[in-house]
Amino acid sequence: MNPMPELTPMLKELRLSGVMDSLEQRNRQAIEEKLAYTDFLALILQDEVARRAQKKLALALRRANFRNHKTLEQFDFTFNPTISRSLITDLATCLFIDEKVSVFIVGPCGTGKSHIAQALGHCAIRKGYDVLFTTQSKMLGKLYAARATHTYERQFNQLTKVRLLIIDDFGLKPLRSPQDEDLHDIISERYERRSTIVTSNLDLSEWGDAFPNRLLGAATIDRLRHGAYKVVLEGKSFRCMKPDQKNTKSSSKKTLKNTVAKGGEKR
């Protein structure tokens, strides 16, 4: 007698329908290895726990709204050896989230600021923290639009309640009113309650220039800087053209030049 058809509706009623994914395989394993009933049950429950954990992780990653799935394992620390790998590894423990302090990641374009910020976000999610990734422009633009649709409070609460907020590209565009006020309110509400990661091409000494109201800017930055960790990225851009690409382009230009010189037309 095959019990599978009878098990399916019962498992669905108990919200254990995922058990069906591995039940047949585990059943064969139990027969072949002559497992005790309790050992068979343990295997089934382990599969269900793993499935739910994977589903929870996937959902958290979607909610985080990462630009792309970057991890520390994918980051090439040898490309720019001056980058402090030990500091970034320490931050990956996510103790700064429990400390409720900020992390600044600053450096020139293309040195990996967004990559490291998202990678730290991945580490936080794997440790059970909720994370939200956004850019300065996108975050403040949504808040501005939310005023017209009367959803400002909901958007604001989402930004202030999340355990780890990652704001990418701070200062890439100068702030305008009421953007500077919105940013100040977010940082003030998160101060000593939640952690924030901020990436920027600007050095910390230049952050105040992004605010039209310098006094408001000073108050915002002062809260961010209190107890914060600073990661400085220096060196070459990861976006630099690879040598083989340079040679290919150079070769193509020479071919085109020779073709034109002979009066031909390159198609």
C-alpha atoms as a PDB file:
ATOM      1  CA  MET A   1       0.000   0.000   0.000  1.00  0.00           C
ATOM      2  CA  ASN A   2       1.389   3.416  -1.016  1.00  0.00           C
ATOM      3  CA  PRO A   3       0.778   5.939   1.798  1.00  0.00           C
ATOM      4  CA  MET A   4       1.970   8.966  -0.230  1.00  0.00           C
ATOM      5  CA  PRO A   5      -1.493  10.055  -1.543  1.00  0.00           C
ATOM      6  CA  GLU A   6      -2.859  10.044   2.008  1.00  0.00           C
ATOM      7  CA  LEU A   7       0.142  11.861   3.452  1.00  0.00           C
ATOM      8  CA  THR A   8       0.034  14.780   1.027  1.00  0.00           C
ATOM      9  CA  PRO A   9      -3.199  16.441   2.272  1.00  0.00           C
ATOM     10  CA  MET A  10      -2.224  15.867   5.905  1.00  0.00           C
ATOM     11  CA  LEU A  11       1.204  17.436   5.401  1.00  0.00           C
ATOM     12  CA  LYS A  12      -0.400  20.412   3.655  1.00  0.00           C
ATOM     13  CA  GLU A  13      -2.813  20.864   6.543  1.00  0.00           C
ATOM     14  CA  LEU A  14       0.134  20.863   8.955  1.00  0.00           C
ATOM     15  CA  ARG A  15       2.045  23.252   6.653  1.00  0.00           C
ATOM     16  CA  LEU A  16       4.690  20.608   6.088  1.00  0.00           C
ATOM     17  CA  SER A  17       4.168  20.109   2.366  1.00  0.00           C
ATOM     18  CA  GLY A  18       7.892  20.634   1.795  1.00  0.00           C
ATOM     19  CA  VAL A  19       8.484  17.245   3.409  1.00  0.00           C
ATOM     20  CA  MET A  20       7.224  15.663   0.177  1.00  0.00           C
ATOM     21  CA  ASP A  21      10.341  16.943  -1.643  1.00  0.00           C
ATOM     22  CA  SER A  22      12.607  14.472   0.151  1.00  0.00           C
ATOM     23  CA  LEU A  23      10.188  11.925   1.610  1.00  0.00           C
ATOM     24  CA  GLU A  24      10.552   9.334  -1.141  1.00  0.00           C
ATOM     25  CA  GLN A  25      14.350   9.562  -1.086  1.00  0.00           C
ATOM     26  CA  ARG A  26      14.491   9.338   2.713  1.00  0.00           C
ATOM     27  CA  ASN A  27      12.082   6.404   2.667  1.00  0.00           C
ATOM     28  CA  ARG A  28      14.388   4.457   0.320  1.00  0.00           C
ATOM     29  CA  GLN A  29      17.362   5.381   2.515  1.00  0.00           C
ATOM     30  CA  ALA A  30      15.569   4.118   5.617  1.00  0.00           C
ATOM     31  CA  ILE A  31      14.792   0.786   3.942  1.00  0.00           C
ATOM     32  CA  GLU A  32      18.299   0.298   2.541  1.00  0.00           C
ATOM     33  CA  GLU A  33      20.076   1.286   5.758  1.00  0.00           C
ATOM     34  CA  LYS A  34      17.473  -0.298   8.037  1.00  0.00           C
ATOM     35  CA  LEU A  35      17.053   2.905  10.017  1.00  0.00           C
ATOM     36  CA  ALA A  36      15.019   3.061  13.187  1.00  0.00           C
ATOM     37  CA  TYR A  37      11.745   4.959  12.975  1.00  0.00           C
ATOM     38  CA  THR A  38      13.154   7.766  15.120  1.00  0.00           C
ATOM     39  CA  ASP A  39      16.242   8.103  12.869  1.00  0.00           C
ATOM     40  CA  PHE A  40      13.986   8.267   9.797  1.00  0.00           C
ATOM     41  CA  LEU A  41      11.859  10.940  11.475  1.00  0.00           C
ATOM     42  CA  ALA A  42      14.961  12.919  12.437  1.00  0.00           C
ATOM     43  CA  LEU A  43      16.138  12.973   8.796  1.00  0.00           C
ATOM     44  CA  ILE A  44      12.749  14.185   7.593  1.00  0.00           C
ATOM     45  CA  LEU A  45      12.655  16.948  10.209  1.00  0.00           C
ATOM     46  CA  GLN A  46      16.251  18.018   9.429  1.00  0.00           C
ATOM     47  CA  ASP A  47      15.292  18.375   5.762  1.00  0.00           C
ATOM     48  CA  GLU A  48      12.294  20.508   6.694  1.00  0.00           C
ATOM     49  CA  VAL A  49      14.338  22.743   8.991  1.00  0.00           C
ATOM     50  CA  ALA A  50      16.968  23.229   6.263  1.00  0.00           C
ATOM     51  CA  ARG A  51      14.285  23.974   3.666  1.00  0.00           C
ATOM     52  CA  ARG A  52      12.642  26.589   5.879  1.00  0.00           C
ATOM     53  CA  ALA A  53      15.986  28.191   6.698  1.00  0.00           C
ATOM     54  CA  GLN A  54      16.819  28.448   2.999  1.00  0.00           C
ATOM     55  CA  LYS A  55      13.401  29.908   2.245  1.00  0.00           C
ATOM     56  CA  LYS A  56      13.792  32.447   5.054  1.00  0.00           C
ATOM     57  CA  LEU A  57      17.243  33.430   3.762  1.00  0.00           C
ATOM     58  CA  ALA A  58      15.968  33.871   0.203  1.00  0.00           C
ATOM     59  CA  LEU A  59      13.085  36.044   1.428  1.00  0.00           C
ATOM     60  CA  ALA A  60      15.411  38.203   3.540  1.00  0.00           C
ATOM     61  CA  LEU A  61      17.735  38.706   0.573  1.00  0.00           C
ATOM     62  CA  ARG A  62      14.825  39.811  -1.619  1.00  0.00           C
ATOM     63  CA  ARG A  63      13.589  42.218   1.031  1.00  0.00           C
ATOM     64  CA  ALA A  64      17.096  43.662   1.439  1.00  0.00           C
ATOM     65  CA  ASN A  65      16.847  44.908  -2.157  1.00  0.00           C
ATOM     66  CA  PHE A  66      20.554  44.430  -2.896  1.00  0.00           C
ATOM     67  CA  ARG A  67      21.716  45.769  -6.222  1.00  0.00           C
ATOM     68  CA  ASN A  68      23.452  42.452  -6.862  1.00  0.00           C
ATOM     69  CA  HIS A  69      24.448  39.457  -4.763  1.00  0.00           C
ATOM     70  CA  LYS A  70      27.968  40.355  -3.658  1.00  0.00           C
ATOM     71  CA  THR A  71      29.726  38.454  -0.875  1.00  0.00           C
ATOM     72  CA  LEU A  72      33.078  38.815   0.881  1.00  0.00           C
ATOM     73  CA  GLU A  73      34.172  35.506  -0.666  1.00  0.00           C
ATOM     74  CA  GLN A  74      33.859  37.172  -4.079  1.00  0.00           C
ATOM     75  CA  PHE A  75      35.895  40.257  -3.144  1.00  0.00           C
ATOM     76  CA  ASP A  76      39.474  40.329  -4.463  1.00  0.00           C
ATOM     77  CA  PHE A  77      41.565  41.739  -1.612  1.00  0.00           C
ATOM     78  CA  THR A  78      44.773  41.222  -3.631  1.00  0.00           C
ATOM     79  CA  PHE A  79      43.701  43.786  -6.251  1.00  0.00           C
ATOM     80  CA  ASN A  80      44.295  46.673  -3.823  1.00  0.00           C
ATOM     81  CA  PRO A  81      46.509  45.266  -1.025  1.00  0.00           C
ATOM     82  CA  THR A  82      46.226  48.433   1.097  1.00  0.00           C
ATOM     83  CA  ILE A  83      42.592  47.631   1.956  1.00  0.00           C
ATOM     84  CA  SER A  84      42.308  46.507   5.586  1.00  0.00           C
ATOM     85  CA  ARG A  85      41.108  42.921   5.262  1.00  0.00           C
ATOM     86  CA  SER A  86      41.267  42.397   9.019  1.00  0.00           C
ATOM     87  CA  LEU A  87      38.914  45.321   9.707  1.00  0.00           C
ATOM     88  CA  ILE A  88      36.400  44.149   7.117  1.00  0.00           C
ATOM     89  CA  THR A  89      36.589  40.601   8.484  1.00  0.00           C
ATOM     90  CA  ASP A  90      35.906  41.933  11.973  1.00  0.00           C
ATOM     91  CA  LEU A  91      32.908  43.890  10.669  1.00  0.00           C
ATOM     92  CA  ALA A  92      31.611  40.689   9.048  1.00  0.00           C
ATOM     93  CA  THR A  93      31.011  39.315  12.574  1.00  0.00           C
ATOM     94  CA  CYS A  94      28.261  41.973  12.768  1.00  0.00           C
ATOM     95  CA  LEU A  95      29.160  42.984  16.321  1.00  0.00           C
ATOM     96  CA  PHE A  96      28.776  46.599  15.195  1.00  0.00           C
ATOM     97  CA  ILE A  97      25.030  45.916  14.811  1.00  0.00           C
ATOM     98  CA  ASP A  98      24.797  44.922  18.460  1.00  0.00           C
ATOM     99  CA  GLU A  99      26.846  48.012  19.312  1.00  0.00           C
ATOM    100  CA  LYS A 100      24.291  50.109  17.370  1.00  0.00           C
ATOM    101  CA  VAL A 101      26.970  52.144  15.620  1.00  0.00           C
ATOM    102  CA  SER A 102      27.588  53.170  12.032  1.00  0.00           C
ATOM    103  CA  VAL A 103      30.130  52.022   9.458  1.00  0.00           C
ATOM    104  CA  PHE A 104      31.597  54.387   6.866  1.00  0.00           C
ATOM    105  CA  ILE A 105      33.057  52.968   3.665  1.00  0.00           C
ATOM    106  CA  VAL A 106      34.826  55.716   1.728  1.00  0.00           C
ATOM    107  CA  GLY A 107      37.083  55.805  -1.302  1.00  0.00           C
ATOM    108  CA  PRO A 108      37.335  56.652  -5.005  1.00  0.00           C
ATOM    109  CA  CYS A 109      34.944  55.282  -7.619  1.00  0.00           C
ATOM    110  CA  GLY A 110      35.306  51.602  -8.465  1.00  0.00           C
ATOM    111  CA  THR A 111      37.294  50.520  -5.402  1.00  0.00           C
ATOM    112  CA  GLY A 112      34.564  48.210  -4.107  1.00  0.00           C
ATOM    113  CA  LYS A 113      32.524  50.298  -1.643  1.00  0.00           C
ATOM    114  CA  SER A 114      29.136  48.984  -2.757  1.00  0.00           C
ATOM    115  CA  HIS A 115      30.487  45.433  -2.969  1.00  0.00           C
ATOM    116  CA  ILE A 116      31.736  45.466   0.623  1.00  0.00           C
ATOM    117  CA  ALA A 117      28.596  47.192   1.918  1.00  0.00           C
ATOM    118  CA  GLN A 118      26.358  44.568   0.319  1.00  0.00           C
ATOM    119  CA  ALA A 119      28.673  41.773   1.457  1.00  0.00           C
ATOM    120  CA  LEU A 120      28.381  42.967   5.059  1.00  0.00           C
ATOM    121  CA  GLY A 121      24.626  43.066   4.522  1.00  0.00           C
ATOM    122  CA  HIS A 122      24.738  39.419   3.422  1.00  0.00           C
ATOM    123  CA  CYS A 123      26.669  38.534   6.577  1.00  0.00           C
ATOM    124  CA  ALA A 124      24.050  40.305   8.689  1.00  0.00           C
ATOM    125  CA  ILE A 125      21.178  38.449   7.028  1.00  0.00           C
ATOM    126  CA  ARG A 126      22.897  35.104   7.565  1.00  0.00           C
ATOM    127  CA  LYS A 127      23.124  35.983  11.250  1.00  0.00           C
ATOM    128  CA  GLY A 128      19.415  36.716  11.431  1.00  0.00           C
ATOM    129  CA  TYR A 129      19.309  40.526  11.121  1.00  0.00           C
ATOM    130  CA  ASP A 130      16.935  42.289   8.738  1.00  0.00           C
ATOM    131  CA  VAL A 131      18.696  44.504   6.203  1.00  0.00           C
ATOM    132  CA  LEU A 132      17.698  47.169   3.684  1.00  0.00           C
ATOM    133  CA  PHE A 133      19.988  48.413   0.922  1.00  0.00           C
ATOM    134  CA  THR A 134      19.275  51.681  -0.902  1.00  0.00           C
ATOM    135  CA  THR A 135      21.022  54.658  -2.449  1.00  0.00           C
ATOM    136  CA  GLN A 136      20.805  58.184  -1.108  1.00  0.00           C
ATOM    137  CA  SER A 137      18.892  59.366  -4.179  1.00  0.00           C
ATOM    138  CA  LYS A 138      16.452  56.460  -4.216  1.00  0.00           C
ATOM    139  CA  MET A 139      15.756  56.626  -0.478  1.00  0.00           C
ATOM    140  CA  LEU A 140      15.094  60.358  -0.389  1.00  0.00           C
ATOM    141  CA  GLY A 141      13.181  60.244  -3.668  1.00  0.00           C
ATOM    142  CA  LYS A 142      10.795  57.641  -2.238  1.00  0.00           C
ATOM    143  CA  LEU A 143      10.238  59.726   0.868  1.00  0.00           C
ATOM    144  CA  TYR A 144       9.489  62.801  -1.251  1.00  0.00           C
ATOM    145  CA  ALA A 145       6.976  60.848  -3.352  1.00  0.00           C
ATOM    146  CA  ALA A 146       5.441  59.309  -0.228  1.00  0.00           C
ATOM    147  CA  ARG A 147       4.269  62.730   0.919  1.00  0.00           C
ATOM    148  CA  ALA A 148       1.981  62.978  -2.096  1.00  0.00           C
ATOM    149  CA  THR A 149       0.491  59.521  -1.497  1.00  0.00           C
ATOM    150  CA  HIS A 150       0.194  59.921   2.279  1.00  0.00           C
ATOM    151  CA  THR A 151       2.524  56.971   2.899  1.00  0.00           C
ATOM    152  CA  TYR A 152       5.417  58.971   4.326  1.00  0.00           C
ATOM    153  CA  GLU A 153       5.074  57.571   7.832  1.00  0.00           C
ATOM    154  CA  ARG A 154       5.132  53.974   6.579  1.00  0.00           C
ATOM    155  CA  GLN A 155       8.219  54.612   4.429  1.00  0.00           C
ATOM    156  CA  PHE A 156       9.942  56.477   7.251  1.00  0.00           C
ATOM    157  CA  ASN A 157       9.241  53.695   9.754  1.00  0.00           C
ATOM    158  CA  GLN A 158      10.659  51.091   7.376  1.00  0.00           C
ATOM    159  CA  LEU A 159      13.901  53.051   7.148  1.00  0.00           C
ATOM    160  CA  THR A 160      14.206  53.684  10.875  1.00  0.00           C
ATOM    161  CA  LYS A 161      13.147  50.278  12.215  1.00  0.00           C
ATOM    162  CA  VAL A 162      15.298  47.970  10.071  1.00  0.00           C
ATOM    163  CA  ARG A 163      18.261  46.627  12.056  1.00  0.00           C
ATOM    164  CA  LEU A 164      20.810  47.458   9.362  1.00  0.00           C
ATOM    165  CA  LEU A 165      20.241  50.241   6.842  1.00  0.00           C
ATOM    166  CA  ILE A 166      22.789  50.556   4.030  1.00  0.00           C
ATOM    167  CA  ILE A 167      22.879  53.944   2.279  1.00  0.00           C
ATOM    168  CA  ASP A 168      24.980  53.782  -0.872  1.00  0.00           C
ATOM    169  CA  ASP A 169      26.518  56.732  -2.751  1.00  0.00           C
ATOM    170  CA  PHE A 170      26.084  59.403  -0.083  1.00  0.00           C
ATOM    171  CA  GLY A 171      27.012  62.843  -1.428  1.00  0.00           C
ATOM    172  CA  LEU A 172      27.031  61.716  -5.063  1.00  0.00           C
ATOM    173  CA  LYS A 173      24.319  64.335  -5.611  1.00  0.00           C
ATOM    174  CA  PRO A 174      23.994  67.451  -3.429  1.00  0.00           C
ATOM    175  CA  LEU A 175      21.049  67.383  -1.054  1.00  0.00           C
ATOM    176  CA  ARG A 176      18.149  69.794  -1.480  1.00  0.00           C
ATOM    177  CA  SER A 177      15.452  70.808   0.961  1.00  0.00           C
ATOM    178  CA  PRO A 178      13.603  68.849   2.333  1.00  0.00           C
ATOM    179  CA  GLN A 179      16.022  65.980   1.521  1.00  0.00           C
ATOM    180  CA  ASP A 180      18.523  67.167   4.118  1.00  0.00           C
ATOM    181  CA  GLU A 181      15.767  67.297   6.745  1.00  0.00           C
ATOM    182  CA  ASP A 182      14.546  63.797   5.849  1.00  0.00           C
ATOM    183  CA  LEU A 183      18.070  62.389   6.094  1.00  0.00           C
ATOM    184  CA  HIS A 184      18.631  64.105   9.418  1.00  0.00           C
ATOM    185  CA  ASP A 185      15.368  62.731  10.803  1.00  0.00           C
ATOM    186  CA  ILE A 186      16.264  59.184   9.713  1.00  0.00           C
ATOM    187  CA  ILE A 187      19.736  59.328  11.235  1.00  0.00           C
ATOM    188  CA  SER A 188      18.448  60.946  14.430  1.00  0.00           C
ATOM    189  CA  GLU A 189      15.798  58.261  14.852  1.00  0.00           C
ATOM    190  CA  ARG A 190      18.344  55.480  14.288  1.00  0.00           C
ATOM    191  CA  TYR A 191      21.021  57.059  16.506  1.00  0.00           C
ATOM    192  CA  GLU A 192      22.026  54.633  19.285  1.00  0.00           C
ATOM    193  CA  ARG A 193      19.101  52.378  18.313  1.00  0.00           C
ATOM    194  CA  ARG A 194      20.081  50.859  14.957  1.00  0.00           C
ATOM    195  CA  SER A 195      23.185  50.510  12.786  1.00  0.00           C
ATOM    196  CA  THR A 196      23.765  52.228   9.456  1.00  0.00           C
ATOM    197  CA  ILE A 197      26.362  51.616   6.758  1.00  0.00           C
ATOM    198  CA  VAL A 198      27.131  54.611   4.533  1.00  0.00           C
ATOM    199  CA  THR A 199      29.304  54.528   1.408  1.00  0.00           C
ATOM    200  CA  SER A 200      30.663  57.655  -0.219  1.00  0.00           C
ATOM    201  CA  ASN A 201      33.214  58.909  -2.723  1.00  0.00           C
ATOM    202  CA  LEU A 202      33.731  61.896  -0.415  1.00  0.00           C
ATOM    203  CA  ASP A 203      36.126  61.951   2.493  1.00  0.00           C
ATOM    204  CA  LEU A 204      34.490  62.557   5.846  1.00  0.00           C
ATOM    205  CA  SER A 205      35.810  66.120   5.921  1.00  0.00           C
ATOM    206  CA  GLU A 206      33.772  66.842   2.772  1.00  0.00           C
ATOM    207  CA  TRP A 207      30.451  65.362   3.904  1.00  0.00           C
ATOM    208  CA  GLY A 208      29.188  68.676   5.254  1.00  0.00           C
ATOM    209  CA  ASP A 209      29.414  70.163   1.758  1.00  0.00           C
ATOM    210  CA  ALA A 210      26.548  67.912   0.633  1.00  0.00           C
ATOM    211  CA  PHE A 211      24.092  69.743   2.933  1.00  0.00           C
ATOM    212  CA  PRO A 212      22.542  73.111   1.950  1.00  0.00           C
ATOM    213  CA  ASN A 213      22.010  73.747   5.663  1.00  0.00           C
ATOM    214  CA  ARG A 214      25.492  73.370   7.180  1.00  0.00           C
ATOM    215  CA  LEU A 215      24.178  73.383  10.764  1.00  0.00           C
ATOM    216  CA  LEU A 216      21.764  70.560   9.986  1.00  0.00           C
ATOM    217  CA  GLY A 217      24.543  68.722   8.173  1.00  0.00           C
ATOM    218  CA  ALA A 218      26.888  69.020  11.148  1.00  0.00           C
ATOM    219  CA  ALA A 219      24.215  67.620  13.489  1.00  0.00           C
ATOM    220  CA  THR A 220      23.520  64.685  11.142  1.00  0.00           C
ATOM    221  CA  ILE A 221      27.175  63.799  10.615  1.00  0.00           C
ATOM    222  CA  ASP A 222      27.937  64.134  14.326  1.00  0.00           C
ATOM    223  CA  ARG A 223      25.360  61.444  15.110  1.00  0.00           C
ATOM    224  CA  LEU A 224      26.665  59.191  12.357  1.00  0.00           C
ATOM    225  CA  ARG A 225      30.281  59.546  13.456  1.00  0.00           C
ATOM    226  CA  HIS A 226      29.700  58.757  17.126  1.00  0.00           C
ATOM    227  CA  GLY A 227      31.487  55.437  17.725  1.00  0.00           C
ATOM    228  CA  ALA A 228      31.530  54.631  14.006  1.00  0.00           C
ATOM    229  CA  TYR A 229      33.977  52.359  12.177  1.00  0.00           C
ATOM    230  CA  LYS A 230      35.697  53.748   9.091  1.00  0.00           C
ATOM    231  CA  VAL A 231      36.818  51.634   6.149  1.00  0.00           C
ATOM    232  CA  VAL A 232      39.046  53.480   3.672  1.00  0.00           C
ATOM    233  CA  LEU A 233      39.432  51.972   0.209  1.00  0.00           C
ATOM    234  CA  GLU A 234      42.372  53.177  -1.828  1.00  0.00           C
ATOM    235  CA  GLY A 235      43.976  52.053  -5.045  1.00  0.00           C
ATOM    236  CA  LYS A 236      42.934  51.120  -8.565  1.00  0.00           C
ATOM    237  CA  SER A 237      39.375  50.882  -9.820  1.00  0.00           C
ATOM    238  CA  PHE A 238      37.943  47.421 -10.400  1.00  0.00           C
ATOM    239  CA  ARG A 239      36.257  48.949 -13.432  1.00  0.00           C
ATOM    240  CA  CYS A 240      39.579  49.573 -15.199  1.00  0.00           C
ATOM    241  CA  MET A 241      39.769  47.940 -18.588  1.00  0.00           C
ATOM    242  CA  LYS A 242      41.534  44.588 -18.572  1.00  0.00           C
ATOM    243  CA  PRO A 243      44.838  44.348 -20.495  1.00  0.00           C
ATOM    244  CA  ASP A 244      43.424  41.922 -23.092  1.00  0.00           C
ATOM    245  CA  GLN A 245      40.520  44.323 -23.710  1.00  0.00           C
ATOM    246  CA  LYS A 246      42.968  47.186 -24.231  1.00  0.00           C
ATOM    247  CA  ASN A 247      44.963  45.118 -26.724  1.00  0.00           C
ATOM    248  CA  THR A 248      41.792  44.134 -28.571  1.00  0.00           C
ATOM    249  CA  LYS A 249      40.636  47.731 -28.854  1.00  0.00           C
ATOM    250  CA  SER A 250      44.116  48.883 -29.882  1.00  0.00           C
ATOM    251  CA  SER A 251      44.266  46.181 -32.536  1.00  0.00           C
ATOM    252  CA  SER A 252      40.811  47.149 -33.799  1.00  0.00           C
ATOM    253  CA  LYS A 253      41.844  50.803 -34.103  1.00  0.00           C
ATOM    254  CA  LYS A 254      44.969  49.846 -36.079  1.00  0.00           C
ATOM    255  CA  THR A 255      42.921  47.655 -38.409  1.00  0.00           C
ATOM    256  CA  LEU A 256      40.421  50.452 -38.995  1.00  0.00           C
ATOM    257  CA  LYS A 257      43.224  52.951 -39.589  1.00  0.00           C
ATOM    258  CA  ASN A 258      44.908  50.677 -42.133  1.00  0.00           C
ATOM    259  CA  THR A 259      41.588  50.006 -43.864  1.00  0.00           C
ATOM    260  CA  VAL A 260      40.820  53.712 -44.196  1.00  0.00           C
ATOM    261  CA  ALA A 261      44.334  54.447 -45.405  1.00  0.00           C
ATOM    262  CA  LYS A 262      43.840  51.943 -48.239  1.00  0.00           C
ATOM    263  CA  GLY A 263      40.584  53.628 -49.223  1.00  0.00           C
ATOM    264  CA  GLY A 264      38.461  50.715 -48.010  1.00  0.00           C
ATOM    265  CA  GLU A 265      35.314  50.787 -45.906  1.00  0.00           C
ATOM    266  CA  LYS A 266      34.993  48.739 -42.717  1.00  0.00           C
ATOM    267  CA  ARG A 267      31.600  47.055 -42.443  1.00  0.00           C
END
